[in-house]
N, C-alpha and C. Protein backbone atom coordinates (compact mmCIF):
# COMPACT_ATOMS: atom_id res chain seq x y z
N UNK A 1 0.78 -1.20 0.02
CA UNK A 1 -0.05 0.01 0.01
C UNK A 1 0.95 1.25 0.03
N UNK A 2 0.55 2.24 -0.84
CA UNK A 2 1.39 3.47 -0.95
C UNK A 2 1.19 4.31 0.36
N UNK A 3 2.31 4.92 0.68
CA UNK A 3 2.32 5.79 1.96
C UNK A 3 1.71 7.19 1.50
N UNK A 4 2.06 7.63 0.25
CA UNK A 4 1.49 8.90 -0.23
C UNK A 4 0.84 8.76 -1.54
N UNK A 5 -0.21 9.38 -1.73
CA UNK A 5 -0.93 9.45 -3.08
C UNK A 5 -1.37 10.79 -3.47
N UNK A 6 -1.10 11.26 -4.65
CA UNK A 6 -1.83 12.45 -5.21
C UNK A 6 -2.70 11.93 -6.31
N UNK A 7 -3.96 12.45 -6.32
CA UNK A 7 -4.87 11.91 -7.41
C UNK A 7 -5.43 13.21 -8.13
N UNK A 8 -5.03 13.50 -9.29
CA UNK A 8 -5.43 14.61 -10.02
C UNK A 8 -5.40 15.95 -9.27
N UNK A 9 -4.33 16.27 -8.61
CA UNK A 9 -4.21 17.43 -7.83
C UNK A 9 -3.97 18.64 -8.60
N UNK A 10 -4.73 19.67 -8.43
CA UNK A 10 -4.54 21.07 -9.09
C UNK A 10 -4.50 22.08 -7.99
N UNK A 11 -3.58 23.07 -8.15
CA UNK A 11 -3.52 24.14 -7.26
C UNK A 11 -3.04 25.47 -7.94
N UNK A 12 -3.75 26.57 -7.68
CA UNK A 12 -3.41 27.85 -8.34
C UNK A 12 -3.51 28.96 -7.30
N UNK A 13 -2.86 30.06 -7.60
CA UNK A 13 -2.77 31.12 -6.62
C UNK A 13 -3.19 32.39 -7.43
N UNK A 14 -3.70 33.39 -6.70
CA UNK A 14 -3.92 34.82 -7.28
C UNK A 14 -2.82 35.72 -7.08
N UNK A 15 -2.29 36.23 -8.18
CA UNK A 15 -1.25 37.27 -8.07
C UNK A 15 -1.87 38.50 -8.65
N UNK A 16 -2.42 39.30 -7.70
CA UNK A 16 -3.20 40.48 -8.23
C UNK A 16 -4.41 39.93 -8.90
N UNK A 17 -4.51 40.36 -10.19
CA UNK A 17 -5.70 39.85 -10.88
C UNK A 17 -5.40 38.69 -11.81
N UNK A 18 -4.21 38.20 -11.75
CA UNK A 18 -3.68 37.09 -12.45
C UNK A 18 -3.85 35.77 -11.72
N UNK A 19 -4.33 34.73 -12.27
CA UNK A 19 -4.36 33.40 -11.65
C UNK A 19 -3.04 32.55 -12.20
N UNK A 20 -2.24 32.13 -11.18
CA UNK A 20 -0.97 31.57 -11.48
C UNK A 20 -1.19 29.99 -11.15
N UNK A 21 -0.98 29.21 -12.20
CA UNK A 21 -1.15 27.78 -11.94
C UNK A 21 0.12 27.25 -11.31
N UNK A 22 0.08 26.60 -10.13
CA UNK A 22 1.20 26.02 -9.48
C UNK A 22 1.41 24.46 -9.81
N UNK A 23 0.14 23.81 -9.74
CA UNK A 23 0.20 22.35 -10.10
C UNK A 23 -1.10 22.10 -10.89
N UNK A 24 -0.99 21.17 -11.85
CA UNK A 24 -2.17 20.81 -12.68
C UNK A 24 -2.03 19.38 -13.06
N UNK A 25 -3.09 18.71 -12.44
CA UNK A 25 -3.38 17.30 -12.83
C UNK A 25 -2.17 16.42 -12.40
N UNK A 26 -1.70 16.61 -11.17
CA UNK A 26 -0.64 15.83 -10.63
C UNK A 26 -1.07 14.48 -10.07
N UNK A 27 -0.52 13.45 -10.59
CA UNK A 27 -0.73 12.04 -10.01
C UNK A 27 0.52 11.42 -9.58
N UNK A 28 0.58 10.97 -8.46
CA UNK A 28 1.91 10.23 -7.99
C UNK A 28 1.58 9.26 -6.85
N UNK A 29 2.48 8.44 -6.63
CA UNK A 29 2.36 7.43 -5.54
C UNK A 29 3.69 7.01 -5.01
N UNK A 30 3.92 7.11 -3.74
CA UNK A 30 5.32 6.73 -3.20
C UNK A 30 5.06 5.70 -2.02
N UNK A 31 6.08 4.81 -1.94
CA UNK A 31 6.10 3.80 -0.91
C UNK A 31 7.02 4.17 0.24
N UNK A 32 6.95 3.36 1.30
CA UNK A 32 7.80 3.46 2.46
C UNK A 32 9.33 3.20 2.07
N UNK A 33 10.13 4.21 2.42
CA UNK A 33 11.53 3.97 2.10
C UNK A 33 11.98 4.44 0.75
N UNK A 34 11.08 4.97 -0.02
CA UNK A 34 11.44 5.59 -1.28
C UNK A 34 12.25 6.92 -0.96
N UNK A 35 13.29 7.14 -1.81
CA UNK A 35 13.93 8.41 -1.81
C UNK A 35 13.63 9.15 -3.07
N UNK A 36 12.93 10.19 -3.09
CA UNK A 36 12.32 10.73 -4.27
C UNK A 36 12.99 12.12 -4.45
N UNK A 37 13.52 12.39 -5.63
CA UNK A 37 13.93 13.77 -6.02
C UNK A 37 13.08 14.31 -7.06
N UNK A 38 12.73 15.63 -6.81
CA UNK A 38 11.89 16.31 -7.69
C UNK A 38 12.67 17.61 -8.13
N UNK A 39 13.05 17.74 -9.39
CA UNK A 39 13.82 18.76 -9.96
C UNK A 39 13.03 19.75 -10.69
N UNK A 40 13.18 21.00 -10.66
CA UNK A 40 12.57 22.05 -11.45
C UNK A 40 12.97 23.44 -11.14
N UNK A 41 12.67 24.34 -11.92
CA UNK A 41 13.09 25.73 -11.75
C UNK A 41 12.31 26.43 -10.63
N UNK A 42 12.75 27.58 -10.13
CA UNK A 42 12.05 28.34 -9.23
C UNK A 42 10.62 28.74 -9.79
N UNK A 43 9.60 28.53 -8.95
CA UNK A 43 8.25 28.90 -9.46
C UNK A 43 7.63 27.79 -10.24
N UNK A 44 8.30 26.63 -10.36
CA UNK A 44 7.80 25.54 -11.12
C UNK A 44 6.73 24.77 -10.41
N UNK A 45 6.59 24.90 -9.04
CA UNK A 45 5.63 24.18 -8.29
C UNK A 45 6.21 23.22 -7.25
N UNK A 46 7.57 23.19 -7.01
CA UNK A 46 8.15 22.21 -6.11
C UNK A 46 7.78 22.61 -4.69
N UNK A 47 7.81 23.74 -4.22
CA UNK A 47 7.45 24.06 -2.86
C UNK A 47 6.02 23.92 -2.65
N UNK A 48 5.18 24.24 -3.58
CA UNK A 48 3.78 24.06 -3.54
C UNK A 48 3.42 22.58 -3.20
N UNK A 49 4.15 21.67 -3.89
CA UNK A 49 3.97 20.19 -3.77
C UNK A 49 4.28 19.83 -2.23
N UNK A 50 5.40 20.32 -1.76
CA UNK A 50 5.75 20.04 -0.39
C UNK A 50 4.68 20.64 0.64
N UNK A 51 4.31 21.88 0.41
CA UNK A 51 3.27 22.45 1.24
C UNK A 51 1.96 21.66 1.27
N UNK A 52 1.52 21.12 0.16
CA UNK A 52 0.39 20.26 0.13
C UNK A 52 0.59 18.95 0.82
N UNK A 53 1.74 18.37 0.74
CA UNK A 53 2.02 17.17 1.39
C UNK A 53 2.07 17.33 2.93
N UNK A 54 2.46 18.58 3.42
CA UNK A 54 2.49 18.80 4.85
C UNK A 54 1.20 19.31 5.38
N UNK A 55 0.28 19.48 4.50
CA UNK A 55 -1.11 19.99 5.03
C UNK A 55 -0.98 21.50 5.34
N UNK A 56 -0.03 22.16 4.82
CA UNK A 56 0.19 23.60 5.01
C UNK A 56 -0.73 24.39 4.09
N UNK A 57 -1.12 23.65 3.00
CA UNK A 57 -2.05 24.27 2.00
C UNK A 57 -2.84 23.16 1.55
N UNK A 58 -4.03 23.43 0.85
CA UNK A 58 -4.97 22.40 0.44
C UNK A 58 -5.16 22.55 -1.14
N UNK A 59 -5.48 21.48 -1.82
CA UNK A 59 -5.57 21.61 -3.21
C UNK A 59 -6.88 22.17 -3.65
N UNK A 60 -6.93 22.84 -4.88
CA UNK A 60 -8.14 23.39 -5.35
C UNK A 60 -9.03 22.19 -5.87
N UNK A 61 -8.38 21.20 -6.37
CA UNK A 61 -9.05 19.99 -6.94
C UNK A 61 -8.16 18.78 -6.76
N UNK A 62 -8.82 17.63 -6.62
CA UNK A 62 -8.03 16.42 -6.44
C UNK A 62 -8.00 15.96 -4.98
N UNK A 63 -7.28 14.87 -4.79
CA UNK A 63 -7.25 14.23 -3.45
C UNK A 63 -5.68 13.90 -3.06
N UNK A 64 -5.35 14.04 -1.88
CA UNK A 64 -4.04 13.73 -1.32
C UNK A 64 -4.13 12.93 -0.13
N UNK A 65 -3.56 11.69 -0.11
CA UNK A 65 -3.71 10.75 0.91
C UNK A 65 -2.24 10.55 1.54
N UNK A 66 -2.27 10.49 2.86
CA UNK A 66 -1.06 10.04 3.69
C UNK A 66 -1.51 8.88 4.49
N UNK A 67 -0.90 7.78 4.20
CA UNK A 67 -1.30 6.46 4.96
C UNK A 67 -2.78 6.31 4.95
N UNK A 68 -3.44 6.46 3.76
CA UNK A 68 -4.94 6.25 3.52
C UNK A 68 -5.84 7.36 4.16
N UNK A 69 -5.23 8.44 4.83
CA UNK A 69 -5.94 9.47 5.34
C UNK A 69 -6.01 10.64 4.31
N UNK A 70 -7.21 11.15 4.09
CA UNK A 70 -7.21 12.18 3.10
C UNK A 70 -6.94 13.56 3.88
N UNK A 71 -5.86 14.15 3.44
CA UNK A 71 -5.35 15.28 4.14
C UNK A 71 -6.28 16.42 4.20
N UNK A 72 -7.00 16.68 3.11
CA UNK A 72 -7.94 17.82 3.16
C UNK A 72 -9.16 17.68 4.08
N UNK A 73 -9.43 16.53 4.62
CA UNK A 73 -10.45 16.32 5.49
C UNK A 73 -10.08 16.38 6.95
N UNK A 74 -8.74 16.58 7.20
CA UNK A 74 -8.31 16.64 8.61
C UNK A 74 -8.57 18.09 9.10
N UNK A 75 -8.91 18.18 10.42
CA UNK A 75 -9.01 19.46 11.14
C UNK A 75 -7.61 20.04 11.30
N UNK A 76 -7.63 21.36 11.55
CA UNK A 76 -6.37 22.05 11.80
C UNK A 76 -5.53 21.44 12.88
N UNK A 77 -6.36 20.97 13.97
CA UNK A 77 -5.69 20.25 15.07
C UNK A 77 -5.05 19.05 14.69
N UNK A 78 -5.72 18.22 13.86
CA UNK A 78 -5.12 16.94 13.39
C UNK A 78 -4.02 17.21 12.46
N UNK A 79 -3.99 18.26 11.71
CA UNK A 79 -2.90 18.62 10.75
C UNK A 79 -1.71 18.95 11.66
N UNK A 80 -1.85 19.69 12.70
CA UNK A 80 -0.71 20.01 13.55
C UNK A 80 -0.17 18.83 14.07
N UNK A 81 -0.89 17.94 14.66
CA UNK A 81 -0.49 16.63 15.11
C UNK A 81 0.29 15.84 14.05
N UNK A 82 -0.23 15.90 12.82
CA UNK A 82 0.39 15.07 11.73
C UNK A 82 1.80 15.57 11.54
N UNK A 83 1.86 16.88 11.53
CA UNK A 83 3.28 17.51 11.16
C UNK A 83 4.16 17.22 12.36
N UNK A 84 3.67 17.26 13.65
CA UNK A 84 4.53 17.08 14.76
C UNK A 84 5.03 15.60 14.90
N UNK A 85 4.14 14.66 14.50
CA UNK A 85 4.53 13.29 14.78
C UNK A 85 4.89 12.43 13.55
N UNK A 86 4.36 12.87 12.39
CA UNK A 86 4.56 11.90 11.26
C UNK A 86 5.41 12.50 10.10
N UNK A 87 5.75 13.80 10.14
CA UNK A 87 6.48 14.49 9.08
C UNK A 87 7.65 15.26 9.62
N UNK A 88 8.76 14.98 8.93
CA UNK A 88 10.13 15.72 9.32
C UNK A 88 10.36 16.71 8.23
N UNK A 89 11.08 17.77 8.53
CA UNK A 89 11.30 18.88 7.65
C UNK A 89 12.75 19.17 7.63
N UNK A 90 13.47 19.30 6.44
CA UNK A 90 14.81 19.85 6.37
C UNK A 90 14.84 20.91 5.36
N UNK A 91 15.42 22.11 5.77
CA UNK A 91 15.27 23.41 5.04
C UNK A 91 16.68 23.75 4.46
N UNK A 92 16.60 24.62 3.62
CA UNK A 92 17.92 25.19 2.95
C UNK A 92 18.79 25.81 4.03
N UNK A 93 18.12 26.58 4.93
CA UNK A 93 18.90 27.35 5.86
C UNK A 93 18.74 26.87 7.28
N UNK A 94 18.70 25.60 7.45
CA UNK A 94 18.70 24.79 8.63
C UNK A 94 17.60 24.92 9.70
N UNK A 95 17.20 26.32 9.94
CA UNK A 95 16.23 26.70 10.89
C UNK A 95 16.40 26.11 12.29
N UNK A 96 17.76 26.15 12.74
CA UNK A 96 17.94 25.65 14.10
C UNK A 96 17.79 26.88 14.98
N UNK A 97 17.49 26.57 16.26
CA UNK A 97 17.30 27.61 17.30
C UNK A 97 18.70 27.97 17.73
N UNK A 98 19.02 29.26 17.62
CA UNK A 98 20.45 29.68 17.95
C UNK A 98 20.76 29.65 19.45
N UNK A 99 19.76 29.77 20.36
CA UNK A 99 19.91 29.85 21.71
C UNK A 99 19.98 28.47 22.45
N UNK A 100 19.66 27.41 21.62
CA UNK A 100 19.69 25.98 22.08
C UNK A 100 20.95 25.28 21.66
N UNK A 101 21.26 24.38 22.52
CA UNK A 101 22.36 23.43 22.17
C UNK A 101 22.01 22.59 21.03
N UNK A 102 23.00 21.90 20.37
CA UNK A 102 22.73 20.90 19.45
C UNK A 102 21.70 19.84 19.87
N UNK A 103 22.05 19.30 21.07
CA UNK A 103 21.28 18.26 21.71
C UNK A 103 19.79 18.87 21.93
N UNK A 104 19.67 20.03 22.46
CA UNK A 104 18.33 20.68 22.67
C UNK A 104 17.56 20.91 21.46
N UNK A 105 18.22 21.29 20.31
CA UNK A 105 17.58 21.38 18.95
C UNK A 105 16.99 20.18 18.49
N UNK A 106 17.74 19.03 18.76
CA UNK A 106 17.22 17.73 18.28
C UNK A 106 16.07 17.31 19.15
N UNK A 107 16.13 17.56 20.44
CA UNK A 107 15.08 17.18 21.40
C UNK A 107 13.83 17.90 21.16
N UNK A 108 13.88 19.19 20.53
CA UNK A 108 12.69 20.06 20.47
C UNK A 108 11.45 19.39 19.99
N UNK A 109 11.41 18.69 18.92
CA UNK A 109 10.14 18.14 18.30
C UNK A 109 9.56 17.07 19.30
N UNK A 110 10.43 16.42 20.17
CA UNK A 110 9.91 15.43 21.17
C UNK A 110 9.15 16.21 22.16
N UNK A 111 9.71 17.39 22.65
CA UNK A 111 9.07 18.25 23.62
C UNK A 111 7.73 18.81 23.20
N UNK A 112 7.75 19.32 21.97
CA UNK A 112 6.50 19.86 21.44
C UNK A 112 5.37 18.84 21.26
N UNK A 113 5.77 17.59 20.98
CA UNK A 113 4.85 16.47 20.77
C UNK A 113 4.43 15.75 22.05
N UNK A 114 5.13 16.21 23.20
CA UNK A 114 4.99 15.59 24.53
C UNK A 114 5.17 14.05 24.31
N UNK A 115 6.30 13.62 23.68
CA UNK A 115 6.68 12.41 23.34
C UNK A 115 7.05 11.64 24.63
N UNK A 116 6.79 10.32 24.68
CA UNK A 116 7.16 9.50 25.76
C UNK A 116 8.47 8.80 25.52
N UNK A 117 9.14 9.07 24.37
CA UNK A 117 10.33 8.47 24.05
C UNK A 117 11.41 8.97 25.14
N UNK A 118 12.39 8.13 25.48
CA UNK A 118 13.47 8.45 26.45
C UNK A 118 14.38 9.39 25.59
N UNK A 119 14.32 10.69 25.93
CA UNK A 119 14.82 11.75 25.05
C UNK A 119 16.40 11.60 25.03
N UNK A 120 17.03 11.40 26.18
CA UNK A 120 18.41 11.37 26.25
C UNK A 120 19.14 10.36 25.37
N UNK A 121 18.71 9.13 25.56
CA UNK A 121 19.32 8.02 24.73
C UNK A 121 18.93 8.08 23.27
N UNK A 122 17.78 8.45 23.05
CA UNK A 122 17.24 8.56 21.66
C UNK A 122 18.00 9.63 20.78
N UNK A 123 18.06 10.80 21.44
CA UNK A 123 18.84 11.87 20.80
C UNK A 123 20.29 11.48 20.59
N UNK A 124 20.88 10.87 21.64
CA UNK A 124 22.32 10.45 21.49
C UNK A 124 22.44 9.54 20.26
N UNK A 125 21.52 8.67 20.19
CA UNK A 125 21.66 7.63 19.04
C UNK A 125 21.55 8.32 17.67
N UNK A 126 20.72 9.33 17.59
CA UNK A 126 20.63 10.00 16.39
C UNK A 126 21.81 10.98 16.17
N UNK A 127 22.34 11.64 17.12
CA UNK A 127 23.47 12.44 16.92
C UNK A 127 24.77 11.67 16.61
N UNK A 128 24.80 10.43 17.09
CA UNK A 128 25.93 9.48 16.82
C UNK A 128 25.63 9.08 15.31
N UNK A 129 24.42 8.89 14.90
CA UNK A 129 24.06 8.43 13.52
C UNK A 129 24.58 9.54 12.51
N UNK A 130 24.44 10.78 12.87
CA UNK A 130 24.88 11.87 11.86
C UNK A 130 26.26 12.30 12.18
N UNK A 131 26.95 11.57 13.22
CA UNK A 131 28.37 11.92 13.49
C UNK A 131 28.65 13.14 14.22
N UNK A 132 27.74 13.57 15.14
CA UNK A 132 27.89 14.77 15.85
C UNK A 132 27.62 14.68 17.35
N UNK A 133 27.68 13.56 17.95
CA UNK A 133 27.43 13.50 19.30
C UNK A 133 28.42 14.20 20.17
N UNK A 134 29.65 14.27 19.60
CA UNK A 134 30.71 14.97 20.26
C UNK A 134 30.50 16.51 20.36
N UNK A 135 29.50 17.00 19.54
CA UNK A 135 29.22 18.47 19.51
C UNK A 135 27.84 18.70 20.09
N UNK A 136 27.32 17.73 20.97
CA UNK A 136 25.96 17.90 21.55
C UNK A 136 25.74 19.16 22.36
N UNK A 137 26.93 19.65 23.06
CA UNK A 137 26.68 20.75 23.95
C UNK A 137 27.08 22.09 23.13
N UNK A 138 27.43 21.93 21.88
CA UNK A 138 27.77 23.16 21.23
C UNK A 138 26.48 23.87 20.81
N UNK A 139 26.65 25.09 20.23
CA UNK A 139 25.57 25.95 19.80
C UNK A 139 25.65 25.90 18.24
N UNK A 140 24.61 26.22 17.54
CA UNK A 140 24.60 26.23 16.07
C UNK A 140 25.74 27.17 15.51
N UNK A 141 25.88 28.30 16.07
CA UNK A 141 26.92 29.25 15.52
C UNK A 141 28.30 28.61 15.49
N UNK A 142 28.60 27.63 16.39
CA UNK A 142 29.85 26.98 16.49
C UNK A 142 30.11 25.92 15.47
N UNK A 143 29.10 25.66 14.65
CA UNK A 143 29.16 24.53 13.67
C UNK A 143 29.36 25.08 12.32
N UNK A 144 29.78 24.33 11.34
CA UNK A 144 29.91 24.66 9.91
C UNK A 144 28.52 24.36 9.30
N UNK A 145 28.38 24.93 8.13
CA UNK A 145 27.01 24.63 7.44
C UNK A 145 26.66 23.22 7.22
N UNK A 146 27.67 22.50 6.89
CA UNK A 146 27.33 21.02 6.70
C UNK A 146 26.94 20.36 8.03
N UNK A 147 27.69 20.71 9.11
CA UNK A 147 27.46 20.17 10.48
C UNK A 147 25.83 20.61 10.80
N UNK A 148 25.57 21.90 10.58
CA UNK A 148 24.23 22.35 11.03
C UNK A 148 23.18 21.59 10.25
N UNK A 149 23.43 21.23 8.98
CA UNK A 149 22.43 20.47 8.23
C UNK A 149 22.34 18.99 8.66
N UNK A 150 23.46 18.52 9.12
CA UNK A 150 23.34 17.19 9.76
C UNK A 150 22.50 17.20 11.14
N UNK A 151 22.60 18.21 11.81
CA UNK A 151 21.81 18.32 13.01
C UNK A 151 20.34 18.50 12.67
N UNK A 152 20.08 19.22 11.58
CA UNK A 152 18.73 19.36 11.09
C UNK A 152 18.08 18.07 10.67
N UNK A 153 18.91 17.31 10.11
CA UNK A 153 18.47 15.92 9.66
C UNK A 153 18.15 14.97 10.98
N UNK A 154 18.98 15.10 11.92
CA UNK A 154 18.80 14.33 13.13
C UNK A 154 17.49 14.84 13.86
N UNK A 155 17.24 16.09 13.79
CA UNK A 155 16.02 16.69 14.42
C UNK A 155 14.80 16.16 13.56
N UNK A 156 15.01 16.21 12.24
CA UNK A 156 13.79 15.74 11.42
C UNK A 156 13.51 14.28 11.59
N UNK A 157 14.48 13.46 12.01
CA UNK A 157 14.23 12.03 12.16
C UNK A 157 13.93 11.65 13.66
N UNK A 158 13.96 12.59 14.55
CA UNK A 158 13.93 12.17 15.88
C UNK A 158 12.52 11.70 16.40
N UNK A 159 11.45 11.95 15.70
CA UNK A 159 10.13 11.43 16.09
C UNK A 159 9.84 10.32 15.06
N UNK A 160 10.82 9.73 14.36
CA UNK A 160 10.61 8.62 13.44
C UNK A 160 9.44 8.95 12.48
N UNK A 161 9.51 9.96 11.65
CA UNK A 161 8.45 10.36 10.83
C UNK A 161 8.19 9.37 9.69
N UNK A 162 6.97 9.33 9.15
CA UNK A 162 6.59 8.53 8.09
C UNK A 162 7.32 9.15 6.88
N UNK A 163 7.24 10.44 6.59
CA UNK A 163 7.89 11.12 5.53
C UNK A 163 8.76 12.25 6.02
N UNK A 164 9.81 12.41 5.19
CA UNK A 164 10.76 13.54 5.45
C UNK A 164 10.71 14.54 4.22
N UNK A 165 10.40 15.73 4.42
CA UNK A 165 10.38 16.69 3.35
C UNK A 165 11.52 17.59 3.31
N UNK A 166 12.28 17.63 2.24
CA UNK A 166 13.51 18.32 2.19
C UNK A 166 13.47 19.41 1.12
N UNK A 167 13.48 20.67 1.46
CA UNK A 167 13.32 21.80 0.53
C UNK A 167 14.72 22.44 0.14
N UNK A 168 15.37 22.08 -0.93
CA UNK A 168 16.67 22.56 -1.33
C UNK A 168 17.67 22.42 -0.11
N UNK A 169 17.86 21.15 0.42
CA UNK A 169 18.67 21.00 1.66
C UNK A 169 20.16 21.26 1.39
N UNK A 170 20.68 21.14 0.12
CA UNK A 170 22.08 21.46 -0.22
C UNK A 170 22.25 22.85 -0.81
N UNK A 171 21.19 23.61 -0.83
CA UNK A 171 21.34 24.92 -1.56
C UNK A 171 22.25 25.97 -0.91
N UNK A 172 22.53 25.77 0.38
CA UNK A 172 23.40 26.70 1.12
C UNK A 172 24.70 26.10 1.50
N UNK A 173 25.13 24.98 0.83
CA UNK A 173 26.26 24.25 1.19
C UNK A 173 27.22 24.21 -0.12
N UNK A 174 28.44 23.99 0.13
CA UNK A 174 29.41 23.69 -1.04
C UNK A 174 29.18 22.27 -1.59
N UNK A 175 29.71 21.95 -2.73
CA UNK A 175 29.47 20.74 -3.33
C UNK A 175 29.89 19.47 -2.52
N UNK A 176 30.95 19.57 -1.80
CA UNK A 176 31.51 18.46 -0.95
C UNK A 176 30.50 18.21 0.15
N UNK A 177 30.12 19.20 0.99
CA UNK A 177 29.19 19.04 2.01
C UNK A 177 27.71 18.64 1.58
N UNK A 178 27.39 19.21 0.36
CA UNK A 178 26.05 18.97 -0.15
C UNK A 178 26.02 17.48 -0.53
N UNK A 179 27.07 16.89 -1.04
CA UNK A 179 27.06 15.44 -1.33
C UNK A 179 26.94 14.59 -0.10
N UNK A 180 27.63 14.91 0.88
CA UNK A 180 27.52 14.27 2.15
C UNK A 180 26.12 14.29 2.70
N UNK A 181 25.45 15.34 2.64
CA UNK A 181 24.10 15.52 3.17
C UNK A 181 23.12 14.62 2.27
N UNK A 182 23.29 14.55 0.95
CA UNK A 182 22.37 13.76 0.21
C UNK A 182 22.67 12.30 0.51
N UNK A 183 23.92 11.87 0.69
CA UNK A 183 24.17 10.53 0.92
C UNK A 183 23.79 10.08 2.37
N UNK A 184 23.71 11.02 3.26
CA UNK A 184 23.13 10.73 4.64
C UNK A 184 21.68 10.60 4.58
N UNK A 185 20.88 11.40 3.81
CA UNK A 185 19.52 11.30 3.63
C UNK A 185 19.07 10.04 2.92
N UNK A 186 19.93 9.74 1.86
CA UNK A 186 19.61 8.44 1.17
C UNK A 186 19.81 7.18 2.17
N UNK A 187 20.80 7.26 2.93
CA UNK A 187 20.99 6.15 3.87
C UNK A 187 19.87 6.13 4.93
N UNK A 188 19.44 7.27 5.42
CA UNK A 188 18.37 7.35 6.38
C UNK A 188 17.13 6.81 5.87
N UNK A 189 16.80 7.03 4.60
CA UNK A 189 15.57 6.58 3.94
C UNK A 189 15.46 4.94 4.10
N UNK A 190 16.63 4.37 3.85
CA UNK A 190 16.76 2.93 3.97
C UNK A 190 16.70 2.46 5.42
N UNK A 191 17.49 3.11 6.27
CA UNK A 191 17.72 2.66 7.71
C UNK A 191 16.38 2.84 8.50
N UNK A 192 15.68 3.95 8.18
CA UNK A 192 14.56 4.27 9.06
C UNK A 192 13.17 3.98 8.32
N UNK A 193 13.29 3.53 7.13
CA UNK A 193 12.05 3.19 6.26
C UNK A 193 11.30 4.43 6.07
N UNK A 194 11.86 5.67 6.14
CA UNK A 194 11.17 6.89 6.02
C UNK A 194 11.14 7.27 4.48
N UNK A 195 10.03 7.69 3.98
CA UNK A 195 9.88 8.23 2.64
C UNK A 195 10.45 9.62 2.53
N UNK A 196 11.53 9.78 1.80
CA UNK A 196 12.20 11.12 1.72
C UNK A 196 11.75 11.70 0.43
N UNK A 197 11.30 12.98 0.39
CA UNK A 197 10.92 13.70 -0.69
C UNK A 197 11.77 14.95 -0.84
N UNK A 198 12.65 15.08 -1.72
CA UNK A 198 13.60 16.17 -1.80
C UNK A 198 13.38 16.93 -3.11
N UNK A 199 13.30 18.29 -3.01
CA UNK A 199 13.05 19.08 -4.07
C UNK A 199 14.38 19.91 -4.35
N UNK A 200 14.90 20.09 -5.56
CA UNK A 200 16.02 20.72 -5.82
C UNK A 200 16.06 21.33 -7.22
N UNK A 201 16.94 22.31 -7.53
CA UNK A 201 17.08 22.76 -8.90
C UNK A 201 18.44 22.27 -9.35
N UNK A 202 19.18 21.48 -8.61
CA UNK A 202 20.47 21.08 -8.93
C UNK A 202 20.48 19.67 -9.67
N UNK A 203 20.85 19.59 -10.94
CA UNK A 203 20.72 18.21 -11.69
C UNK A 203 21.54 17.17 -11.07
N UNK A 204 22.74 17.49 -10.38
CA UNK A 204 23.50 16.36 -9.77
C UNK A 204 22.84 15.81 -8.60
N UNK A 205 22.25 16.75 -7.83
CA UNK A 205 21.49 16.19 -6.60
C UNK A 205 20.30 15.37 -7.08
N UNK A 206 19.64 15.62 -8.15
CA UNK A 206 18.52 14.99 -8.61
C UNK A 206 18.78 13.60 -9.12
N UNK A 207 20.03 13.19 -9.26
CA UNK A 207 20.34 11.83 -9.66
C UNK A 207 20.33 10.83 -8.51
N UNK A 208 20.25 11.29 -7.34
CA UNK A 208 20.25 10.40 -6.17
C UNK A 208 18.90 9.93 -5.88
N UNK A 209 18.84 8.82 -5.19
CA UNK A 209 17.56 8.16 -4.84
C UNK A 209 17.11 7.08 -5.84
N UNK A 210 15.80 6.65 -5.59
CA UNK A 210 15.34 5.60 -6.50
C UNK A 210 14.13 6.13 -7.35
N UNK A 211 13.53 7.27 -7.11
CA UNK A 211 12.53 7.82 -7.89
C UNK A 211 12.87 9.24 -8.31
N UNK A 212 12.77 9.54 -9.57
CA UNK A 212 13.32 10.85 -10.07
C UNK A 212 12.05 11.53 -10.93
N UNK A 213 11.87 12.86 -10.57
CA UNK A 213 10.75 13.44 -11.35
C UNK A 213 11.24 14.92 -11.70
N UNK A 214 10.55 15.51 -12.70
CA UNK A 214 10.88 16.85 -13.03
C UNK A 214 9.52 17.54 -13.00
N UNK A 215 9.52 18.78 -12.44
CA UNK A 215 8.17 19.55 -12.39
C UNK A 215 8.40 20.87 -13.09
N UNK A 216 7.62 21.19 -14.04
CA UNK A 216 7.71 22.41 -14.82
C UNK A 216 6.37 22.91 -15.17
N UNK A 217 6.14 24.16 -14.96
CA UNK A 217 4.87 24.83 -15.18
C UNK A 217 3.69 24.01 -14.61
N UNK A 218 3.97 23.48 -13.35
CA UNK A 218 2.89 22.84 -12.67
C UNK A 218 2.69 21.38 -13.04
N UNK A 219 3.34 20.86 -14.05
CA UNK A 219 3.24 19.51 -14.45
C UNK A 219 4.27 18.66 -14.05
N UNK A 220 4.06 17.48 -13.50
CA UNK A 220 5.09 16.45 -13.02
C UNK A 220 5.31 15.36 -14.09
N UNK A 221 6.56 15.11 -14.36
CA UNK A 221 6.90 14.01 -15.23
C UNK A 221 7.90 13.10 -14.56
N UNK A 222 7.62 11.78 -14.63
CA UNK A 222 8.55 10.74 -14.12
C UNK A 222 9.76 10.59 -15.03
N UNK A 223 10.94 10.78 -14.60
CA UNK A 223 12.09 10.80 -15.56
C UNK A 223 12.98 9.59 -15.36
N UNK A 224 12.37 8.63 -14.40
CA UNK A 224 13.04 7.34 -14.26
C UNK A 224 12.10 6.37 -13.78
């Protein structure tokens, strides 16, 4: 059974008096552990796709299912719980809390979700997984960009999400560190059985994973 399904999804926005089509007639299906890359230019619909998956926006037409639940029928409260417990996020600019230590940043989603997981040992395991347990008491400003993104990945995985959404996660990194981040996320998809959906405008990044798509002018094409 597919983890994620889009069925004839359409989405447009108003820009003044002009209607801008973000997605038109998108159909897709992803399974647990898929590593999906979606490439396309700015304004092509990549971020809209992620926002719809996260329940941050709703389609004008069509249906979106996450584990057989129709996202558009969930209440705001249930959507908030969905994002806290079942969806992980990795952003281009890391979005770490500068006043919290690395360990505290990774713990934060568990605290927000009032999780019963044993935070200390669980967080340690994840920081060891991304190779940064020795920096647990450091602050984000003391880390390199690549290290901060590894922390962000640990934070995104801490509540064992069903899906992990990555919006240009290598866009603020040099090519060497960007490659390490992509390889880490690819390994995490396998190890955690988390479905990773990564959007990028970088053709090299788009070659990683087991499913590859291009989105342009709101239309999605499977390129592998």
